[in-house]
Amino acid sequence: MFLRYYCELPAAYELIEPRLIDHPEAWLPGLATRANRRGELLLAEVGFDLGHYRVGKQVEMCFRAPLRTPGRTVLPLSWVATGPQALFPAFDGELELGALGRRCTQLVISVNYRPPLGAVGRTVDRMALHRFAEATIKDFLDRTGEALRRAAAAPTRVRRSDRADEAVSQQSN
């Protein structure tokens, strides 16, 4: 089954893109642990709100090397449920960032998923579970977009070593 969802972020692509690629710990919703390098697994919580309750599941996420072109970055991803995987779908897809002018960036998620339990699972998915998958993808992207928006709006911190280099440079002039 295929799902696609998008949101727009009121920040320049150049501010958002490095945060998506270099710092998943800052935006990954419900991050439990962080691996050292891309291609290794991260544990995260995905799900959706149902009234006053949160329906969620911990998943193992894997990000692969990004594909970059001017004004567009694609980050391949996959996730599978932790625990009894036979009861939950596995997702394969990508997060995509695209510049929409100078001050706006579009964040898109496109995924294919395999319903669990074979033919029975596909039937139940068509009847009802597809809506849960849609709600999960929407929630994931909305939370990711909000975290990236906050990260882009945060002031950049100048490291001490950068300030020291700047001071030395000014003294030598």
N, C-alpha and C. Protein backbone atom coordinates (compact mmCIF):
# COMPACT_ATOMS: atom_id res chain seq x y z
N MET A 1 0.84 -1.17 0.00
CA MET A 1 0.00 0.00 0.00
C MET A 1 0.89 1.23 0.00
N PHE A 2 0.45 2.27 -0.70
CA PHE A 2 1.24 3.50 -0.83
C PHE A 2 0.57 4.63 -0.06
N LEU A 3 1.38 5.41 0.64
CA LEU A 3 0.90 6.60 1.36
C LEU A 3 1.83 7.76 1.07
N ARG A 4 1.26 8.95 0.99
CA ARG A 4 2.06 10.16 0.78
C ARG A 4 1.39 11.28 1.56
N TYR A 5 2.19 12.07 2.22
CA TYR A 5 1.69 13.20 3.00
C TYR A 5 2.75 14.29 2.97
N TYR A 6 2.33 15.54 3.05
CA TYR A 6 3.30 16.63 3.04
C TYR A 6 2.85 17.76 3.95
N CYS A 7 3.83 18.59 4.31
CA CYS A 7 3.55 19.82 5.04
C CYS A 7 4.55 20.87 4.57
N GLU A 8 4.23 22.12 4.83
CA GLU A 8 5.11 23.22 4.46
C GLU A 8 5.68 23.85 5.72
N LEU A 9 6.97 24.14 5.67
CA LEU A 9 7.67 24.72 6.81
C LEU A 9 8.05 26.16 6.47
N PRO A 10 7.73 27.11 7.35
CA PRO A 10 8.03 28.52 7.06
C PRO A 10 9.49 28.87 7.36
N ALA A 11 10.39 28.19 6.67
CA ALA A 11 11.82 28.42 6.85
C ALA A 11 12.52 28.07 5.55
N ALA A 12 13.65 28.69 5.33
CA ALA A 12 14.41 28.45 4.10
C ALA A 12 14.95 27.02 4.08
N TYR A 13 14.97 26.46 2.91
CA TYR A 13 15.50 25.11 2.68
C TYR A 13 16.92 24.99 3.25
N GLU A 14 17.72 26.02 3.07
CA GLU A 14 19.12 25.99 3.52
C GLU A 14 19.25 25.88 5.04
N LEU A 15 18.21 26.30 5.76
CA LEU A 15 18.22 26.16 7.22
C LEU A 15 17.72 24.78 7.66
N ILE A 16 16.79 24.23 6.92
CA ILE A 16 16.16 22.95 7.30
C ILE A 16 17.02 21.75 6.90
N GLU A 17 17.57 21.77 5.71
CA GLU A 17 18.25 20.60 5.14
C GLU A 17 19.38 20.07 6.02
N PRO A 18 20.27 20.90 6.55
CA PRO A 18 21.35 20.34 7.38
C PRO A 18 20.82 19.68 8.66
N ARG A 19 19.74 20.19 9.19
CA ARG A 19 19.17 19.61 10.41
C ARG A 19 18.55 18.24 10.13
N LEU A 20 17.94 18.09 8.97
CA LEU A 20 17.36 16.79 8.60
C LEU A 20 18.47 15.75 8.42
N ILE A 21 19.52 16.12 7.74
CA ILE A 21 20.58 15.18 7.37
C ILE A 21 21.53 14.89 8.53
N ASP A 22 21.96 15.93 9.23
CA ASP A 22 23.04 15.78 10.21
C ASP A 22 22.58 15.51 11.63
N HIS A 23 21.34 15.80 11.95
CA HIS A 23 20.91 15.72 13.35
C HIS A 23 19.55 15.04 13.53
N PRO A 24 19.42 13.75 13.20
CA PRO A 24 18.11 13.11 13.38
C PRO A 24 17.66 13.08 14.84
N GLU A 25 18.61 13.10 15.76
CA GLU A 25 18.23 13.07 17.18
C GLU A 25 17.44 14.31 17.57
N ALA A 26 17.57 15.38 16.81
CA ALA A 26 16.87 16.63 17.13
C ALA A 26 15.43 16.64 16.60
N TRP A 27 15.12 15.82 15.62
CA TRP A 27 13.77 15.88 15.03
C TRP A 27 13.01 14.57 15.05
N LEU A 28 13.67 13.46 15.25
CA LEU A 28 12.99 12.17 15.19
C LEU A 28 12.00 12.05 16.34
N PRO A 29 10.70 11.95 16.06
CA PRO A 29 9.70 11.90 17.13
C PRO A 29 9.87 10.68 18.03
N GLY A 30 9.88 10.93 19.32
CA GLY A 30 9.93 9.83 20.29
C GLY A 30 11.21 9.04 20.25
N LEU A 31 12.32 9.68 19.90
CA LEU A 31 13.59 8.96 19.79
C LEU A 31 13.94 8.31 21.12
N ALA A 32 14.24 7.04 21.08
CA ALA A 32 14.61 6.31 22.29
C ALA A 32 16.12 6.19 22.41
N THR A 33 16.79 5.80 21.34
CA THR A 33 18.24 5.70 21.34
C THR A 33 18.74 6.14 19.98
N ARG A 34 20.00 6.51 19.93
CA ARG A 34 20.57 6.97 18.68
C ARG A 34 21.76 6.11 18.31
N ALA A 35 21.81 5.70 17.08
CA ALA A 35 22.96 4.95 16.59
C ALA A 35 24.06 5.95 16.20
N ASN A 36 25.24 5.44 15.93
CA ASN A 36 26.36 6.32 15.63
C ASN A 36 26.36 6.85 14.20
N ARG A 37 25.95 6.08 13.28
CA ARG A 37 26.04 6.47 11.87
C ARG A 37 24.79 6.07 11.11
N ARG A 38 24.53 6.81 10.02
CA ARG A 38 23.42 6.50 9.13
C ARG A 38 23.54 5.05 8.65
N GLY A 39 22.43 4.39 8.47
CA GLY A 39 22.45 2.99 8.07
C GLY A 39 22.29 2.07 9.26
N GLU A 40 22.54 2.58 10.47
CA GLU A 40 22.29 1.79 11.67
C GLU A 40 20.88 2.11 12.16
N LEU A 41 20.42 1.34 13.11
CA LEU A 41 19.04 1.47 13.55
C LEU A 41 18.87 2.50 14.65
N LEU A 42 17.76 3.22 14.59
CA LEU A 42 17.33 4.12 15.65
C LEU A 42 16.01 3.59 16.16
N LEU A 43 15.77 3.69 17.45
CA LEU A 43 14.47 3.31 18.00
C LEU A 43 13.65 4.56 18.19
N ALA A 44 12.43 4.56 17.67
CA ALA A 44 11.57 5.72 17.78
C ALA A 44 10.15 5.26 18.05
N GLU A 45 9.31 6.19 18.50
CA GLU A 45 7.90 5.90 18.73
C GLU A 45 7.09 6.52 17.61
N VAL A 46 6.22 5.74 17.00
CA VAL A 46 5.30 6.25 15.99
C VAL A 46 3.88 5.91 16.43
N GLY A 47 2.93 6.62 15.92
CA GLY A 47 1.54 6.38 16.28
C GLY A 47 0.69 7.58 15.96
N PHE A 48 -0.38 7.76 16.72
CA PHE A 48 -1.28 8.87 16.50
C PHE A 48 -2.13 9.06 17.75
N ASP A 49 -2.73 10.24 17.84
CA ASP A 49 -3.61 10.54 18.97
C ASP A 49 -5.03 10.12 18.62
N LEU A 50 -5.68 9.50 19.58
CA LEU A 50 -7.06 9.07 19.43
C LEU A 50 -7.82 9.64 20.63
N GLY A 51 -8.39 10.82 20.42
CA GLY A 51 -9.03 11.50 21.54
C GLY A 51 -7.99 11.89 22.57
N HIS A 52 -8.18 11.46 23.80
CA HIS A 52 -7.25 11.77 24.88
C HIS A 52 -6.16 10.72 25.03
N TYR A 53 -6.11 9.76 24.14
CA TYR A 53 -5.16 8.66 24.23
C TYR A 53 -4.18 8.71 23.06
N ARG A 54 -3.00 8.18 23.30
CA ARG A 54 -2.00 8.04 22.25
C ARG A 54 -1.88 6.56 21.92
N VAL A 55 -2.04 6.25 20.64
CA VAL A 55 -1.85 4.89 20.16
C VAL A 55 -0.47 4.88 19.52
N GLY A 56 0.45 4.12 20.08
CA GLY A 56 1.81 4.17 19.56
C GLY A 56 2.52 2.84 19.66
N LYS A 57 3.62 2.78 18.94
CA LYS A 57 4.43 1.56 18.90
C LYS A 57 5.88 1.97 18.70
N GLN A 58 6.78 1.31 19.39
CA GLN A 58 8.19 1.55 19.17
C GLN A 58 8.61 0.82 17.90
N VAL A 59 9.40 1.51 17.07
CA VAL A 59 9.86 0.94 15.81
C VAL A 59 11.37 1.11 15.69
N GLU A 60 11.97 0.23 14.90
CA GLU A 60 13.37 0.37 14.51
C GLU A 60 13.40 1.11 13.19
N MET A 61 14.05 2.27 13.17
CA MET A 61 14.13 3.06 11.95
C MET A 61 15.54 2.97 11.39
N CYS A 62 15.62 2.94 10.08
CA CYS A 62 16.90 2.91 9.39
C CYS A 62 16.89 4.00 8.33
N PHE A 63 17.89 4.88 8.36
CA PHE A 63 18.04 5.92 7.35
C PHE A 63 19.25 5.56 6.49
N ARG A 64 19.10 5.71 5.19
CA ARG A 64 20.21 5.46 4.29
C ARG A 64 20.77 6.79 3.79
N ALA A 65 21.82 6.74 3.02
CA ALA A 65 22.49 7.95 2.55
C ALA A 65 21.52 8.84 1.77
N PRO A 66 21.56 10.15 2.05
CA PRO A 66 20.66 11.07 1.35
C PRO A 66 21.06 11.25 -0.11
N LEU A 67 20.06 11.55 -0.92
CA LEU A 67 20.27 11.89 -2.33
C LEU A 67 20.03 13.39 -2.45
N ARG A 68 21.04 14.13 -2.89
CA ARG A 68 20.95 15.59 -2.91
C ARG A 68 21.06 16.14 -4.33
N THR A 69 20.19 17.07 -4.63
CA THR A 69 20.29 17.89 -5.83
C THR A 69 20.02 19.32 -5.38
N PRO A 70 20.34 20.33 -6.18
CA PRO A 70 20.09 21.70 -5.73
C PRO A 70 18.61 21.92 -5.40
N GLY A 71 18.34 22.35 -4.17
CA GLY A 71 16.98 22.64 -3.75
C GLY A 71 16.12 21.43 -3.42
N ARG A 72 16.73 20.25 -3.38
CA ARG A 72 15.95 19.04 -3.09
C ARG A 72 16.85 17.98 -2.46
N THR A 73 16.36 17.37 -1.39
CA THR A 73 17.07 16.29 -0.71
C THR A 73 16.09 15.17 -0.40
N VAL A 74 16.50 13.95 -0.68
CA VAL A 74 15.68 12.77 -0.40
C VAL A 74 16.45 11.91 0.59
N LEU A 75 15.78 11.55 1.69
CA LEU A 75 16.38 10.71 2.73
C LEU A 75 15.61 9.39 2.78
N PRO A 76 16.18 8.31 2.20
CA PRO A 76 15.50 7.02 2.25
C PRO A 76 15.40 6.51 3.69
N LEU A 77 14.26 5.88 4.00
CA LEU A 77 14.04 5.37 5.34
C LEU A 77 13.22 4.10 5.31
N SER A 78 13.32 3.35 6.38
CA SER A 78 12.45 2.18 6.57
C SER A 78 12.24 2.02 8.06
N TRP A 79 11.12 1.37 8.42
CA TRP A 79 10.91 1.03 9.82
C TRP A 79 10.10 -0.23 9.95
N VAL A 80 10.42 -0.95 11.02
CA VAL A 80 9.68 -2.16 11.39
C VAL A 80 9.41 -2.09 12.89
N ALA A 81 8.33 -2.68 13.29
CA ALA A 81 7.96 -2.69 14.70
C ALA A 81 8.94 -3.52 15.51
N THR A 82 9.17 -3.09 16.74
CA THR A 82 9.93 -3.93 17.66
C THR A 82 8.97 -4.96 18.24
N GLY A 83 9.48 -6.01 18.79
CA GLY A 83 8.60 -7.04 19.36
C GLY A 83 8.00 -7.90 18.28
N PRO A 84 6.73 -8.30 18.45
CA PRO A 84 6.10 -9.22 17.48
C PRO A 84 5.81 -8.53 16.15
N GLN A 85 6.75 -8.62 15.22
CA GLN A 85 6.64 -7.91 13.95
C GLN A 85 5.52 -8.45 13.07
N ALA A 86 5.10 -9.66 13.29
CA ALA A 86 4.06 -10.25 12.45
C ALA A 86 2.71 -9.54 12.60
N LEU A 87 2.55 -8.74 13.64
CA LEU A 87 1.28 -8.06 13.88
C LEU A 87 1.24 -6.62 13.37
N PHE A 88 2.38 -6.11 12.86
CA PHE A 88 2.47 -4.71 12.46
C PHE A 88 3.06 -4.59 11.06
N PRO A 89 2.66 -3.57 10.31
CA PRO A 89 3.22 -3.39 8.96
C PRO A 89 4.66 -2.90 9.01
N ALA A 90 5.41 -3.18 7.97
CA ALA A 90 6.75 -2.64 7.78
C ALA A 90 6.64 -1.54 6.73
N PHE A 91 7.37 -0.46 6.92
CA PHE A 91 7.30 0.71 6.03
C PHE A 91 8.65 0.91 5.34
N ASP A 92 8.62 1.20 4.05
CA ASP A 92 9.80 1.58 3.26
C ASP A 92 9.43 2.83 2.48
N GLY A 93 10.30 3.83 2.52
CA GLY A 93 9.97 5.04 1.77
C GLY A 93 11.07 6.07 1.87
N GLU A 94 10.63 7.34 1.85
CA GLU A 94 11.59 8.43 1.88
C GLU A 94 10.96 9.70 2.42
N LEU A 95 11.82 10.48 3.07
CA LEU A 95 11.48 11.85 3.43
C LEU A 95 12.11 12.72 2.36
N GLU A 96 11.38 13.71 1.90
CA GLU A 96 11.90 14.59 0.87
C GLU A 96 11.72 16.04 1.30
N LEU A 97 12.77 16.82 1.13
CA LEU A 97 12.72 18.26 1.36
C LEU A 97 12.85 18.95 0.02
N GLY A 98 12.05 19.96 -0.19
CA GLY A 98 12.14 20.73 -1.42
C GLY A 98 11.95 22.21 -1.14
N ALA A 99 12.78 23.02 -1.75
CA ALA A 99 12.67 24.47 -1.60
C ALA A 99 11.41 24.96 -2.32
N LEU A 100 10.63 25.76 -1.62
CA LEU A 100 9.46 26.43 -2.21
C LEU A 100 9.69 27.93 -2.09
N GLY A 101 10.55 28.45 -2.91
CA GLY A 101 10.91 29.86 -2.79
C GLY A 101 12.01 30.05 -1.77
N ARG A 102 12.20 31.29 -1.33
CA ARG A 102 13.31 31.61 -0.44
C ARG A 102 13.03 31.34 1.04
N ARG A 103 11.76 31.33 1.43
CA ARG A 103 11.44 31.24 2.86
C ARG A 103 10.48 30.11 3.21
N CYS A 104 10.35 29.16 2.33
CA CYS A 104 9.42 28.07 2.58
C CYS A 104 10.02 26.76 2.05
N THR A 105 9.80 25.70 2.80
CA THR A 105 10.31 24.38 2.44
C THR A 105 9.18 23.37 2.57
N GLN A 106 9.07 22.50 1.60
CA GLN A 106 8.07 21.44 1.67
C GLN A 106 8.74 20.17 2.17
N LEU A 107 8.11 19.53 3.14
CA LEU A 107 8.56 18.25 3.69
C LEU A 107 7.53 17.21 3.28
N VAL A 108 7.98 16.14 2.64
CA VAL A 108 7.09 15.12 2.10
C VAL A 108 7.56 13.75 2.60
N ILE A 109 6.59 12.91 2.95
CA ILE A 109 6.90 11.51 3.21
C ILE A 109 6.11 10.67 2.22
N SER A 110 6.79 9.74 1.61
CA SER A 110 6.17 8.77 0.70
C SER A 110 6.61 7.40 1.17
N VAL A 111 5.65 6.52 1.43
CA VAL A 111 6.00 5.18 1.91
C VAL A 111 5.13 4.12 1.26
N ASN A 112 5.70 2.97 1.15
CA ASN A 112 4.97 1.75 0.83
C ASN A 112 5.00 0.91 2.09
N TYR A 113 3.91 0.25 2.38
CA TYR A 113 3.91 -0.64 3.52
C TYR A 113 3.25 -1.94 3.17
N ARG A 114 3.67 -2.96 3.90
CA ARG A 114 3.12 -4.30 3.73
C ARG A 114 2.25 -4.61 4.95
N PRO A 115 0.95 -4.77 4.76
CA PRO A 115 0.11 -5.14 5.90
C PRO A 115 0.54 -6.50 6.44
N PRO A 116 0.42 -6.69 7.74
CA PRO A 116 0.80 -7.98 8.32
C PRO A 116 -0.25 -9.05 8.02
N LEU A 117 0.07 -10.27 8.28
CA LEU A 117 -0.84 -11.42 8.24
C LEU A 117 -1.33 -11.80 6.84
N GLY A 118 -0.51 -11.52 5.82
CA GLY A 118 -0.82 -11.98 4.47
C GLY A 118 -2.15 -11.51 3.91
N ALA A 119 -2.90 -12.43 3.27
CA ALA A 119 -4.16 -12.08 2.61
C ALA A 119 -5.20 -11.56 3.60
N VAL A 120 -5.25 -12.15 4.79
CA VAL A 120 -6.19 -11.68 5.82
C VAL A 120 -5.84 -10.25 6.20
N GLY A 121 -4.56 -9.97 6.39
CA GLY A 121 -4.12 -8.62 6.73
C GLY A 121 -4.43 -7.61 5.65
N ARG A 122 -4.27 -8.00 4.39
CA ARG A 122 -4.60 -7.08 3.28
C ARG A 122 -6.08 -6.76 3.27
N THR A 123 -6.92 -7.74 3.55
CA THR A 123 -8.37 -7.50 3.59
C THR A 123 -8.74 -6.58 4.74
N VAL A 124 -8.21 -6.84 5.91
CA VAL A 124 -8.49 -6.00 7.08
C VAL A 124 -7.92 -4.59 6.85
N ASP A 125 -6.78 -4.50 6.19
CA ASP A 125 -6.19 -3.20 5.88
C ASP A 125 -7.13 -2.39 5.00
N ARG A 126 -7.67 -3.00 3.97
CA ARG A 126 -8.59 -2.29 3.08
C ARG A 126 -9.84 -1.84 3.81
N MET A 127 -10.30 -2.64 4.77
CA MET A 127 -11.53 -2.31 5.49
C MET A 127 -11.31 -1.23 6.55
N ALA A 128 -10.17 -1.25 7.26
CA ALA A 128 -10.03 -0.32 8.37
C ALA A 128 -8.60 0.10 8.68
N LEU A 129 -7.67 -0.82 8.64
CA LEU A 129 -6.33 -0.52 9.15
C LEU A 129 -5.56 0.50 8.31
N HIS A 130 -5.94 0.67 7.05
CA HIS A 130 -5.29 1.67 6.20
C HIS A 130 -5.40 3.05 6.84
N ARG A 131 -6.53 3.32 7.49
CA ARG A 131 -6.71 4.62 8.15
C ARG A 131 -5.72 4.81 9.30
N PHE A 132 -5.41 3.73 10.03
CA PHE A 132 -4.41 3.82 11.10
C PHE A 132 -3.03 4.10 10.51
N ALA A 133 -2.71 3.46 9.40
CA ALA A 133 -1.42 3.72 8.75
C ALA A 133 -1.35 5.17 8.29
N GLU A 134 -2.43 5.67 7.69
CA GLU A 134 -2.47 7.08 7.26
C GLU A 134 -2.28 8.02 8.45
N ALA A 135 -2.98 7.75 9.55
CA ALA A 135 -2.87 8.60 10.74
C ALA A 135 -1.45 8.56 11.31
N THR A 136 -0.81 7.40 11.27
CA THR A 136 0.56 7.27 11.77
C THR A 136 1.53 8.09 10.93
N ILE A 137 1.41 8.00 9.62
CA ILE A 137 2.30 8.74 8.72
C ILE A 137 2.07 10.25 8.88
N LYS A 138 0.83 10.67 8.95
CA LYS A 138 0.52 12.09 9.14
C LYS A 138 1.11 12.60 10.44
N ASP A 139 0.90 11.87 11.53
CA ASP A 139 1.42 12.27 12.83
C ASP A 139 2.95 12.34 12.81
N PHE A 140 3.59 11.34 12.21
CA PHE A 140 5.04 11.32 12.13
C PHE A 140 5.55 12.55 11.39
N LEU A 141 4.95 12.86 10.25
CA LEU A 141 5.45 13.99 9.47
C LEU A 141 5.13 15.32 10.16
N ASP A 142 3.96 15.46 10.76
CA ASP A 142 3.64 16.70 11.47
C ASP A 142 4.61 16.93 12.62
N ARG A 143 4.91 15.89 13.39
CA ARG A 143 5.85 16.03 14.50
C ARG A 143 7.27 16.30 14.00
N THR A 144 7.66 15.63 12.93
CA THR A 144 8.97 15.88 12.33
C THR A 144 9.07 17.31 11.83
N GLY A 145 8.05 17.76 11.11
CA GLY A 145 8.03 19.12 10.58
C GLY A 145 8.12 20.16 11.68
N GLU A 146 7.38 19.95 12.76
CA GLU A 146 7.41 20.90 13.87
C GLU A 146 8.79 20.94 14.52
N ALA A 147 9.42 19.79 14.70
CA ALA A 147 10.76 19.75 15.28
C ALA A 147 11.78 20.43 14.37
N LEU A 148 11.67 20.22 13.06
CA LEU A 148 12.59 20.87 12.12
C LEU A 148 12.35 22.38 12.09
N ARG A 149 11.09 22.79 12.16
CA ARG A 149 10.77 24.22 12.17
C ARG A 149 11.38 24.88 13.41
N ARG A 150 11.21 24.25 14.57
CA ARG A 150 11.79 24.80 15.81
C ARG A 150 13.32 24.86 15.72
N ALA A 151 13.93 23.81 15.18
CA ALA A 151 15.39 23.78 15.06
C ALA A 151 15.89 24.89 14.13
N ALA A 152 15.16 25.14 13.05
CA ALA A 152 15.57 26.18 12.11
C ALA A 152 15.40 27.57 12.72
N ALA A 153 14.42 27.73 13.61
CA ALA A 153 14.16 29.03 14.23
C ALA A 153 15.10 29.30 15.39
N ALA A 154 15.74 28.26 15.94
CA ALA A 154 16.64 28.45 17.08
C ALA A 154 17.87 29.20 16.65
N PRO A 155 18.35 30.09 17.51
CA PRO A 155 19.57 30.82 17.15
C PRO A 155 20.74 29.85 17.02
N THR A 156 21.63 30.16 16.09
CA THR A 156 22.80 29.30 15.92
C THR A 156 23.78 29.63 17.02
N ARG A 157 24.34 28.60 17.58
CA ARG A 157 25.31 28.79 18.65
C ARG A 157 26.70 28.88 18.06
N VAL A 158 27.45 29.85 18.52
CA VAL A 158 28.84 29.97 18.10
C VAL A 158 29.69 29.25 19.13
N ARG A 159 30.47 28.30 18.67
CA ARG A 159 31.33 27.55 19.59
C ARG A 159 32.47 28.44 20.06
N ARG A 160 33.03 28.14 21.24
CA ARG A 160 34.14 28.93 21.79
C ARG A 160 35.31 28.96 20.83
N SER A 161 35.62 27.83 20.22
CA SER A 161 36.76 27.78 19.31
C SER A 161 36.54 28.70 18.12
N ASP A 162 35.29 28.84 17.66
CA ASP A 162 35.00 29.76 16.56
C ASP A 162 35.24 31.20 17.00
N ARG A 163 34.82 31.54 18.23
CA ARG A 163 35.04 32.89 18.75
C ARG A 163 36.52 33.16 18.93
N ALA A 164 37.28 32.18 19.39
CA ALA A 164 38.71 32.35 19.58
C ALA A 164 39.40 32.57 18.24
N ASP A 165 39.02 31.79 17.22
CA ASP A 165 39.59 31.96 15.88
C ASP A 165 39.28 33.35 15.34
N GLU A 166 38.06 33.81 15.59
CA GLU A 166 37.65 35.14 15.13
C GLU A 166 38.48 36.22 15.83
N ALA A 167 38.70 36.07 17.14
CA ALA A 167 39.47 37.05 17.90
C ALA A 167 40.91 37.10 17.40
N VAL A 168 41.53 35.94 17.13
CA VAL A 168 42.89 35.90 16.62
C VAL A 168 42.96 36.56 15.26
N SER A 169 41.95 36.29 14.43
CA SER A 169 41.91 36.88 13.09
C SER A 169 41.82 38.40 13.17
N GLN A 170 41.00 38.93 14.10
CA GLN A 170 40.86 40.38 14.23
C GLN A 170 42.12 41.01 14.79
N GLN A 171 42.85 40.32 15.70
CA GLN A 171 44.07 40.87 16.28
C GLN A 171 45.18 40.95 15.24
N SER A 172 45.20 39.98 14.30
CA SER A 172 46.26 39.99 13.30
C SER A 172 46.04 41.03 12.22
N ASN A 173 44.83 41.61 12.15
CA ASN A 173 44.55 42.63 11.13
C ASN A 173 44.97 43.97 11.57
